[in-house]
Amino acid sequence: MDISHIEHIGIAVPSLDEAIPFYENMLGLKCFAIEEVEDQKVRTAFFRVGQTKIELLEGTAPESAICKFIEKNGGRGGIQHVAFAVADGVANALAEVEAKGCKLIDKAPRRGAEGLNIAFLHPKSTVGTLVELCEDPKEK
């Protein structure tokens, strides 16, 4: 697997409307995209920090993974996942880690925010961190 960089860090937030001003006004970052990913029941907001992005995630339904994460976290947000960009394709990376015994959440790539192919690895196989493999935007 050829990991080129950390594509983004996903941070669950109870409300994008409350979180975006902190990142813009306090940290001086600029939100460059807000998007809803319906099949994941999430709204996202992106900020660029060098080559890496911060992705704020707000759940749009109580059964969404983000709402469940926030509920388990006492109603507060927090770092939900780390996404690595893979230059040799998400499907190839999934096959490689599965062959090494990694438990997968996604057996095949699916479409995520920004139209990128993504897949998640199960935290039980990643020392407790939800890991996302993400299509390298430069390869798209």
N, C-alpha and C. Protein backbone atom coordinates (compact mmCIF):
# COMPACT_ATOMS: atom_id res chain seq x y z
N MET A 1 0.85 -1.17 0.00
CA MET A 1 0.00 0.00 0.00
C MET A 1 0.89 1.23 0.00
N ASP A 2 0.53 2.19 -0.80
CA ASP A 2 1.31 3.42 -0.92
C ASP A 2 0.53 4.58 -0.30
N ILE A 3 0.77 4.86 0.99
CA ILE A 3 0.12 5.99 1.66
C ILE A 3 0.92 7.24 1.34
N SER A 4 0.26 8.22 0.74
CA SER A 4 0.96 9.44 0.34
C SER A 4 0.94 10.52 1.43
N HIS A 5 -0.14 10.58 2.21
CA HIS A 5 -0.23 11.59 3.26
C HIS A 5 -1.51 11.37 4.07
N ILE A 6 -1.63 12.11 5.17
CA ILE A 6 -2.89 12.13 5.91
C ILE A 6 -3.83 13.00 5.09
N GLU A 7 -4.89 12.40 4.58
CA GLU A 7 -5.83 13.13 3.73
C GLU A 7 -6.66 14.08 4.59
N HIS A 8 -7.20 13.58 5.70
CA HIS A 8 -7.92 14.44 6.62
C HIS A 8 -8.06 13.79 7.99
N ILE A 9 -8.40 14.61 8.95
CA ILE A 9 -8.75 14.15 10.29
C ILE A 9 -10.22 14.48 10.47
N GLY A 10 -11.02 13.45 10.77
CA GLY A 10 -12.45 13.63 10.94
C GLY A 10 -12.79 13.93 12.39
N ILE A 11 -13.50 15.04 12.61
CA ILE A 11 -13.88 15.46 13.95
C ILE A 11 -15.40 15.54 14.02
N ALA A 12 -15.99 14.73 14.90
CA ALA A 12 -17.43 14.76 15.10
C ALA A 12 -17.79 16.00 15.92
N VAL A 13 -18.84 16.69 15.48
CA VAL A 13 -19.32 17.87 16.20
C VAL A 13 -20.85 17.79 16.32
N PRO A 14 -21.40 18.28 17.42
CA PRO A 14 -22.86 18.29 17.54
C PRO A 14 -23.54 19.20 16.52
N SER A 15 -22.84 20.29 16.13
CA SER A 15 -23.44 21.26 15.21
C SER A 15 -22.36 21.94 14.38
N LEU A 16 -22.50 21.86 13.06
CA LEU A 16 -21.57 22.58 12.18
C LEU A 16 -21.72 24.09 12.39
N ASP A 17 -22.95 24.55 12.58
CA ASP A 17 -23.20 25.99 12.75
C ASP A 17 -22.46 26.55 13.96
N GLU A 18 -22.27 25.72 15.00
CA GLU A 18 -21.53 26.18 16.17
C GLU A 18 -20.03 25.95 16.03
N ALA A 19 -19.63 24.90 15.31
CA ALA A 19 -18.21 24.55 15.22
C ALA A 19 -17.45 25.38 14.19
N ILE A 20 -18.06 25.65 13.05
CA ILE A 20 -17.36 26.38 11.97
C ILE A 20 -16.81 27.72 12.45
N PRO A 21 -17.58 28.53 13.20
CA PRO A 21 -17.01 29.81 13.66
C PRO A 21 -15.74 29.67 14.50
N PHE A 22 -15.65 28.61 15.32
CA PHE A 22 -14.42 28.42 16.09
C PHE A 22 -13.22 28.25 15.15
N TYR A 23 -13.34 27.38 14.16
CA TYR A 23 -12.22 27.12 13.25
C TYR A 23 -11.89 28.35 12.41
N GLU A 24 -12.91 29.14 12.05
CA GLU A 24 -12.66 30.34 11.24
C GLU A 24 -12.19 31.52 12.09
N ASN A 25 -12.91 31.82 13.16
CA ASN A 25 -12.62 33.03 13.94
C ASN A 25 -11.47 32.87 14.92
N MET A 26 -11.38 31.71 15.55
CA MET A 26 -10.33 31.52 16.55
C MET A 26 -9.03 31.02 15.93
N LEU A 27 -9.14 30.11 14.97
CA LEU A 27 -7.94 29.52 14.37
C LEU A 27 -7.54 30.17 13.06
N GLY A 28 -8.43 30.96 12.48
CA GLY A 28 -8.10 31.66 11.24
C GLY A 28 -8.15 30.79 10.00
N LEU A 29 -8.81 29.63 10.09
CA LEU A 29 -8.94 28.76 8.93
C LEU A 29 -10.17 29.16 8.13
N LYS A 30 -10.24 28.73 6.89
CA LYS A 30 -11.36 29.05 6.01
C LYS A 30 -12.08 27.78 5.61
N CYS A 31 -13.37 27.72 5.89
CA CYS A 31 -14.18 26.59 5.45
C CYS A 31 -14.33 26.71 3.93
N PHE A 32 -13.88 25.68 3.21
CA PHE A 32 -13.94 25.76 1.75
C PHE A 32 -15.03 24.90 1.14
N ALA A 33 -15.69 24.06 1.95
CA ALA A 33 -16.76 23.23 1.41
C ALA A 33 -17.64 22.70 2.52
N ILE A 34 -18.94 22.74 2.27
CA ILE A 34 -19.92 22.09 3.14
C ILE A 34 -20.72 21.17 2.24
N GLU A 35 -20.90 19.93 2.69
CA GLU A 35 -21.53 18.92 1.84
C GLU A 35 -22.31 17.94 2.71
N GLU A 36 -23.42 17.45 2.18
CA GLU A 36 -24.16 16.38 2.84
C GLU A 36 -23.89 15.08 2.10
N VAL A 37 -23.56 14.05 2.86
CA VAL A 37 -23.38 12.71 2.30
C VAL A 37 -24.55 11.89 2.83
N GLU A 38 -25.60 11.81 2.03
CA GLU A 38 -26.87 11.24 2.48
C GLU A 38 -26.75 9.81 2.96
N ASP A 39 -26.04 8.95 2.21
CA ASP A 39 -25.99 7.54 2.59
C ASP A 39 -25.22 7.32 3.89
N GLN A 40 -24.40 8.27 4.30
CA GLN A 40 -23.70 8.17 5.58
C GLN A 40 -24.39 8.97 6.68
N LYS A 41 -25.49 9.65 6.32
CA LYS A 41 -26.27 10.44 7.28
C LYS A 41 -25.38 11.46 8.00
N VAL A 42 -24.68 12.26 7.19
CA VAL A 42 -23.73 13.21 7.75
C VAL A 42 -23.63 14.46 6.87
N ARG A 43 -23.39 15.60 7.53
CA ARG A 43 -23.01 16.84 6.85
C ARG A 43 -21.55 17.10 7.21
N THR A 44 -20.79 17.54 6.23
CA THR A 44 -19.37 17.77 6.46
C THR A 44 -19.00 19.22 6.15
N ALA A 45 -17.96 19.68 6.80
CA ALA A 45 -17.36 20.98 6.51
C ALA A 45 -15.85 20.77 6.49
N PHE A 46 -15.19 21.29 5.46
CA PHE A 46 -13.76 21.06 5.29
C PHE A 46 -12.95 22.35 5.43
N PHE A 47 -11.78 22.18 6.07
CA PHE A 47 -10.78 23.23 6.24
C PHE A 47 -9.44 22.66 5.80
N ARG A 48 -8.64 23.45 5.13
CA ARG A 48 -7.31 22.99 4.71
C ARG A 48 -6.25 23.54 5.67
N VAL A 49 -5.36 22.64 6.07
CA VAL A 49 -4.21 23.00 6.90
C VAL A 49 -3.00 22.39 6.22
N GLY A 50 -2.31 23.17 5.41
CA GLY A 50 -1.22 22.61 4.58
C GLY A 50 -1.81 21.61 3.60
N GLN A 51 -1.22 20.43 3.53
CA GLN A 51 -1.70 19.39 2.63
C GLN A 51 -2.86 18.58 3.25
N THR A 52 -3.05 18.73 4.55
CA THR A 52 -4.05 17.95 5.27
C THR A 52 -5.33 18.77 5.44
N LYS A 53 -6.45 18.08 5.52
CA LYS A 53 -7.72 18.75 5.75
C LYS A 53 -8.28 18.33 7.10
N ILE A 54 -9.07 19.21 7.67
CA ILE A 54 -9.88 18.91 8.84
C ILE A 54 -11.30 18.76 8.30
N GLU A 55 -11.95 17.64 8.64
CA GLU A 55 -13.32 17.40 8.23
C GLU A 55 -14.19 17.40 9.48
N LEU A 56 -15.05 18.40 9.60
CA LEU A 56 -16.03 18.40 10.68
C LEU A 56 -17.23 17.58 10.22
N LEU A 57 -17.76 16.75 11.11
CA LEU A 57 -18.86 15.86 10.77
C LEU A 57 -20.02 16.06 11.73
N GLU A 58 -21.19 16.35 11.17
CA GLU A 58 -22.41 16.50 11.96
C GLU A 58 -23.39 15.43 11.49
N GLY A 59 -23.89 14.62 12.40
CA GLY A 59 -24.87 13.61 12.05
C GLY A 59 -26.19 14.23 11.65
N THR A 60 -26.88 13.62 10.68
CA THR A 60 -28.16 14.14 10.23
C THR A 60 -29.33 13.25 10.66
N ALA A 61 -29.03 12.16 11.34
CA ALA A 61 -30.07 11.25 11.83
C ALA A 61 -29.56 10.59 13.10
N PRO A 62 -30.44 10.33 14.06
CA PRO A 62 -30.00 9.74 15.34
C PRO A 62 -29.25 8.42 15.19
N GLU A 63 -29.53 7.65 14.14
CA GLU A 63 -28.86 6.36 13.95
C GLU A 63 -27.52 6.48 13.21
N SER A 64 -27.12 7.69 12.84
CA SER A 64 -25.85 7.85 12.14
C SER A 64 -24.67 7.52 13.06
N ALA A 65 -23.58 7.10 12.45
CA ALA A 65 -22.37 6.79 13.22
C ALA A 65 -21.89 8.01 14.00
N ILE A 66 -22.05 9.20 13.43
CA ILE A 66 -21.58 10.41 14.10
C ILE A 66 -22.44 10.71 15.33
N CYS A 67 -23.76 10.62 15.19
CA CYS A 67 -24.63 10.85 16.35
C CYS A 67 -24.35 9.84 17.46
N LYS A 68 -24.12 8.59 17.08
CA LYS A 68 -23.81 7.56 18.08
C LYS A 68 -22.48 7.85 18.76
N PHE A 69 -21.49 8.31 17.99
CA PHE A 69 -20.18 8.67 18.54
C PHE A 69 -20.33 9.78 19.57
N ILE A 70 -21.08 10.83 19.21
CA ILE A 70 -21.27 11.96 20.11
C ILE A 70 -22.03 11.53 21.36
N GLU A 71 -23.02 10.69 21.20
CA GLU A 71 -23.78 10.19 22.35
C GLU A 71 -22.86 9.41 23.30
N LYS A 72 -22.01 8.55 22.76
CA LYS A 72 -21.07 7.78 23.59
C LYS A 72 -20.03 8.68 24.25
N ASN A 73 -19.82 9.86 23.66
CA ASN A 73 -18.82 10.81 24.16
C ASN A 73 -19.46 11.86 25.06
N GLY A 74 -20.59 11.53 25.66
CA GLY A 74 -21.23 12.44 26.60
C GLY A 74 -21.83 13.68 25.97
N GLY A 75 -22.20 13.60 24.69
CA GLY A 75 -22.80 14.75 24.01
C GLY A 75 -21.79 15.70 23.41
N ARG A 76 -20.53 15.37 23.56
CA ARG A 76 -19.46 16.22 23.01
C ARG A 76 -18.89 15.57 21.76
N GLY A 77 -18.30 16.36 20.94
CA GLY A 77 -17.62 15.85 19.76
C GLY A 77 -16.21 15.40 20.10
N GLY A 78 -15.44 15.14 19.07
CA GLY A 78 -14.06 14.74 19.25
C GLY A 78 -13.53 14.09 18.00
N ILE A 79 -12.26 13.75 18.01
CA ILE A 79 -11.67 13.11 16.83
C ILE A 79 -12.35 11.77 16.63
N GLN A 80 -12.90 11.57 15.43
CA GLN A 80 -13.67 10.37 15.12
C GLN A 80 -12.88 9.41 14.25
N HIS A 81 -12.04 9.94 13.33
CA HIS A 81 -11.24 9.06 12.49
C HIS A 81 -10.06 9.81 11.88
N VAL A 82 -9.10 9.02 11.38
CA VAL A 82 -7.97 9.54 10.62
C VAL A 82 -8.03 8.89 9.25
N ALA A 83 -7.94 9.73 8.21
CA ALA A 83 -8.01 9.23 6.83
C ALA A 83 -6.64 9.35 6.17
N PHE A 84 -6.19 8.24 5.60
CA PHE A 84 -4.93 8.20 4.87
C PHE A 84 -5.21 8.13 3.39
N ALA A 85 -4.54 8.95 2.62
CA ALA A 85 -4.66 8.90 1.16
C ALA A 85 -3.78 7.78 0.64
N VAL A 86 -4.37 6.93 -0.21
CA VAL A 86 -3.62 5.83 -0.80
C VAL A 86 -3.51 6.06 -2.31
N ALA A 87 -2.29 6.02 -2.79
CA ALA A 87 -2.03 6.33 -4.19
C ALA A 87 -2.33 5.17 -5.12
N ASP A 88 -2.37 3.95 -4.59
CA ASP A 88 -2.55 2.78 -5.45
C ASP A 88 -3.98 2.24 -5.45
N GLY A 89 -4.93 3.07 -5.03
CA GLY A 89 -6.34 2.68 -5.08
C GLY A 89 -6.83 2.08 -3.78
N VAL A 90 -8.04 2.45 -3.40
CA VAL A 90 -8.62 1.98 -2.15
C VAL A 90 -8.88 0.47 -2.20
N ALA A 91 -9.36 -0.03 -3.33
CA ALA A 91 -9.63 -1.48 -3.44
C ALA A 91 -8.36 -2.29 -3.23
N ASN A 92 -7.27 -1.84 -3.82
CA ASN A 92 -5.98 -2.54 -3.65
C ASN A 92 -5.53 -2.49 -2.19
N ALA A 93 -5.69 -1.33 -1.55
CA ALA A 93 -5.29 -1.19 -0.15
C ALA A 93 -6.14 -2.08 0.75
N LEU A 94 -7.45 -2.16 0.48
CA LEU A 94 -8.32 -3.04 1.26
C LEU A 94 -7.89 -4.49 1.14
N ALA A 95 -7.61 -4.91 -0.08
CA ALA A 95 -7.19 -6.30 -0.30
C ALA A 95 -5.89 -6.59 0.46
N GLU A 96 -4.98 -5.63 0.44
CA GLU A 96 -3.69 -5.83 1.11
C GLU A 96 -3.85 -5.95 2.63
N VAL A 97 -4.62 -5.04 3.24
CA VAL A 97 -4.75 -5.11 4.70
C VAL A 97 -5.60 -6.30 5.13
N GLU A 98 -6.60 -6.68 4.32
CA GLU A 98 -7.41 -7.86 4.65
C GLU A 98 -6.55 -9.12 4.58
N ALA A 99 -5.66 -9.19 3.60
CA ALA A 99 -4.77 -10.35 3.49
C ALA A 99 -3.83 -10.45 4.69
N LYS A 100 -3.58 -9.33 5.33
CA LYS A 100 -2.73 -9.30 6.53
C LYS A 100 -3.53 -9.53 7.81
N GLY A 101 -4.85 -9.76 7.67
CA GLY A 101 -5.68 -10.09 8.82
C GLY A 101 -6.46 -8.94 9.42
N CYS A 102 -6.50 -7.81 8.76
CA CYS A 102 -7.23 -6.66 9.28
C CYS A 102 -8.73 -6.85 9.06
N LYS A 103 -9.53 -6.55 10.08
CA LYS A 103 -10.98 -6.60 9.97
C LYS A 103 -11.45 -5.32 9.26
N LEU A 104 -12.31 -5.49 8.26
CA LEU A 104 -12.79 -4.36 7.47
C LEU A 104 -14.21 -3.99 7.86
N ILE A 105 -14.51 -2.71 7.86
CA ILE A 105 -15.89 -2.25 7.95
C ILE A 105 -16.49 -2.28 6.55
N ASP A 106 -15.73 -1.79 5.59
CA ASP A 106 -16.15 -1.78 4.18
C ASP A 106 -15.37 -2.82 3.41
N LYS A 107 -16.07 -3.75 2.79
CA LYS A 107 -15.43 -4.78 1.97
C LYS A 107 -15.02 -4.25 0.60
N ALA A 108 -15.64 -3.14 0.19
CA ALA A 108 -15.34 -2.52 -1.11
C ALA A 108 -15.40 -1.01 -0.93
N PRO A 109 -14.69 -0.27 -1.77
CA PRO A 109 -14.76 1.20 -1.68
C PRO A 109 -16.17 1.70 -1.93
N ARG A 110 -16.48 2.84 -1.31
CA ARG A 110 -17.75 3.52 -1.55
C ARG A 110 -17.47 5.01 -1.69
N ARG A 111 -18.44 5.73 -2.18
CA ARG A 111 -18.27 7.16 -2.42
C ARG A 111 -18.44 7.93 -1.11
N GLY A 112 -17.49 8.81 -0.82
CA GLY A 112 -17.54 9.63 0.38
C GLY A 112 -17.61 11.10 0.02
N ALA A 113 -17.34 11.94 0.99
CA ALA A 113 -17.32 13.39 0.78
C ALA A 113 -16.31 13.74 -0.30
N GLU A 114 -16.55 14.83 -0.95
CA GLU A 114 -15.72 15.34 -2.05
C GLU A 114 -15.66 14.37 -3.23
N GLY A 115 -16.58 13.39 -3.26
CA GLY A 115 -16.63 12.45 -4.37
C GLY A 115 -15.50 11.44 -4.40
N LEU A 116 -14.77 11.31 -3.30
CA LEU A 116 -13.63 10.39 -3.27
C LEU A 116 -14.08 8.99 -2.86
N ASN A 117 -13.42 7.97 -3.38
CA ASN A 117 -13.65 6.60 -2.93
C ASN A 117 -13.00 6.43 -1.58
N ILE A 118 -13.75 5.79 -0.66
CA ILE A 118 -13.27 5.61 0.71
C ILE A 118 -13.61 4.22 1.20
N ALA A 119 -12.99 3.81 2.29
CA ALA A 119 -13.34 2.57 2.99
C ALA A 119 -12.76 2.68 4.40
N PHE A 120 -13.46 2.05 5.36
CA PHE A 120 -13.03 2.11 6.76
C PHE A 120 -12.52 0.76 7.23
N LEU A 121 -11.49 0.82 8.08
CA LEU A 121 -10.95 -0.36 8.75
C LEU A 121 -11.50 -0.38 10.17
N HIS A 122 -11.79 -1.56 10.67
CA HIS A 122 -12.42 -1.69 11.98
C HIS A 122 -11.43 -1.36 13.09
N PRO A 123 -11.84 -0.55 14.08
CA PRO A 123 -10.94 -0.20 15.18
C PRO A 123 -10.41 -1.39 15.97
N LYS A 124 -11.11 -2.53 15.94
CA LYS A 124 -10.60 -3.72 16.63
C LYS A 124 -9.31 -4.23 16.00
N SER A 125 -9.04 -3.85 14.76
CA SER A 125 -7.82 -4.28 14.08
C SER A 125 -6.80 -3.15 13.93
N THR A 126 -7.13 -1.96 14.44
CA THR A 126 -6.25 -0.81 14.22
C THR A 126 -5.81 -0.17 15.54
N VAL A 127 -5.72 -0.95 16.58
CA VAL A 127 -5.30 -0.50 17.90
C VAL A 127 -6.24 0.60 18.42
N GLY A 128 -7.53 0.49 18.07
CA GLY A 128 -8.54 1.36 18.65
C GLY A 128 -8.90 2.62 17.88
N THR A 129 -8.22 2.92 16.79
CA THR A 129 -8.52 4.12 16.02
C THR A 129 -9.29 3.74 14.76
N LEU A 130 -10.39 4.45 14.49
CA LEU A 130 -11.10 4.25 13.23
C LEU A 130 -10.23 4.83 12.12
N VAL A 131 -9.85 3.98 11.17
CA VAL A 131 -8.98 4.39 10.07
C VAL A 131 -9.77 4.37 8.78
N GLU A 132 -9.66 5.44 8.03
CA GLU A 132 -10.28 5.54 6.71
C GLU A 132 -9.17 5.52 5.66
N LEU A 133 -9.36 4.69 4.66
CA LEU A 133 -8.48 4.72 3.48
C LEU A 133 -9.22 5.53 2.44
N CYS A 134 -8.54 6.48 1.85
CA CYS A 134 -9.18 7.45 0.98
C CYS A 134 -8.41 7.57 -0.32
N GLU A 135 -9.15 7.64 -1.40
CA GLU A 135 -8.55 7.86 -2.71
C GLU A 135 -7.71 9.13 -2.65
N ASP A 136 -6.51 9.08 -3.16
CA ASP A 136 -5.66 10.27 -3.21
C ASP A 136 -6.24 11.20 -4.26
N PRO A 137 -6.64 12.42 -3.86
CA PRO A 137 -7.25 13.33 -4.83
C PRO A 137 -6.37 13.60 -6.05
N LYS A 138 -5.05 13.49 -5.89
CA LYS A 138 -4.14 13.70 -7.02
C LYS A 138 -4.26 12.57 -8.04
N GLU A 139 -4.75 11.41 -7.61
CA GLU A 139 -4.88 10.25 -8.49
C GLU A 139 -6.26 10.21 -9.17
N LYS A 140 -7.16 11.06 -8.71
CA LYS A 140 -8.53 11.04 -9.20
C LYS A 140 -8.64 11.53 -10.62
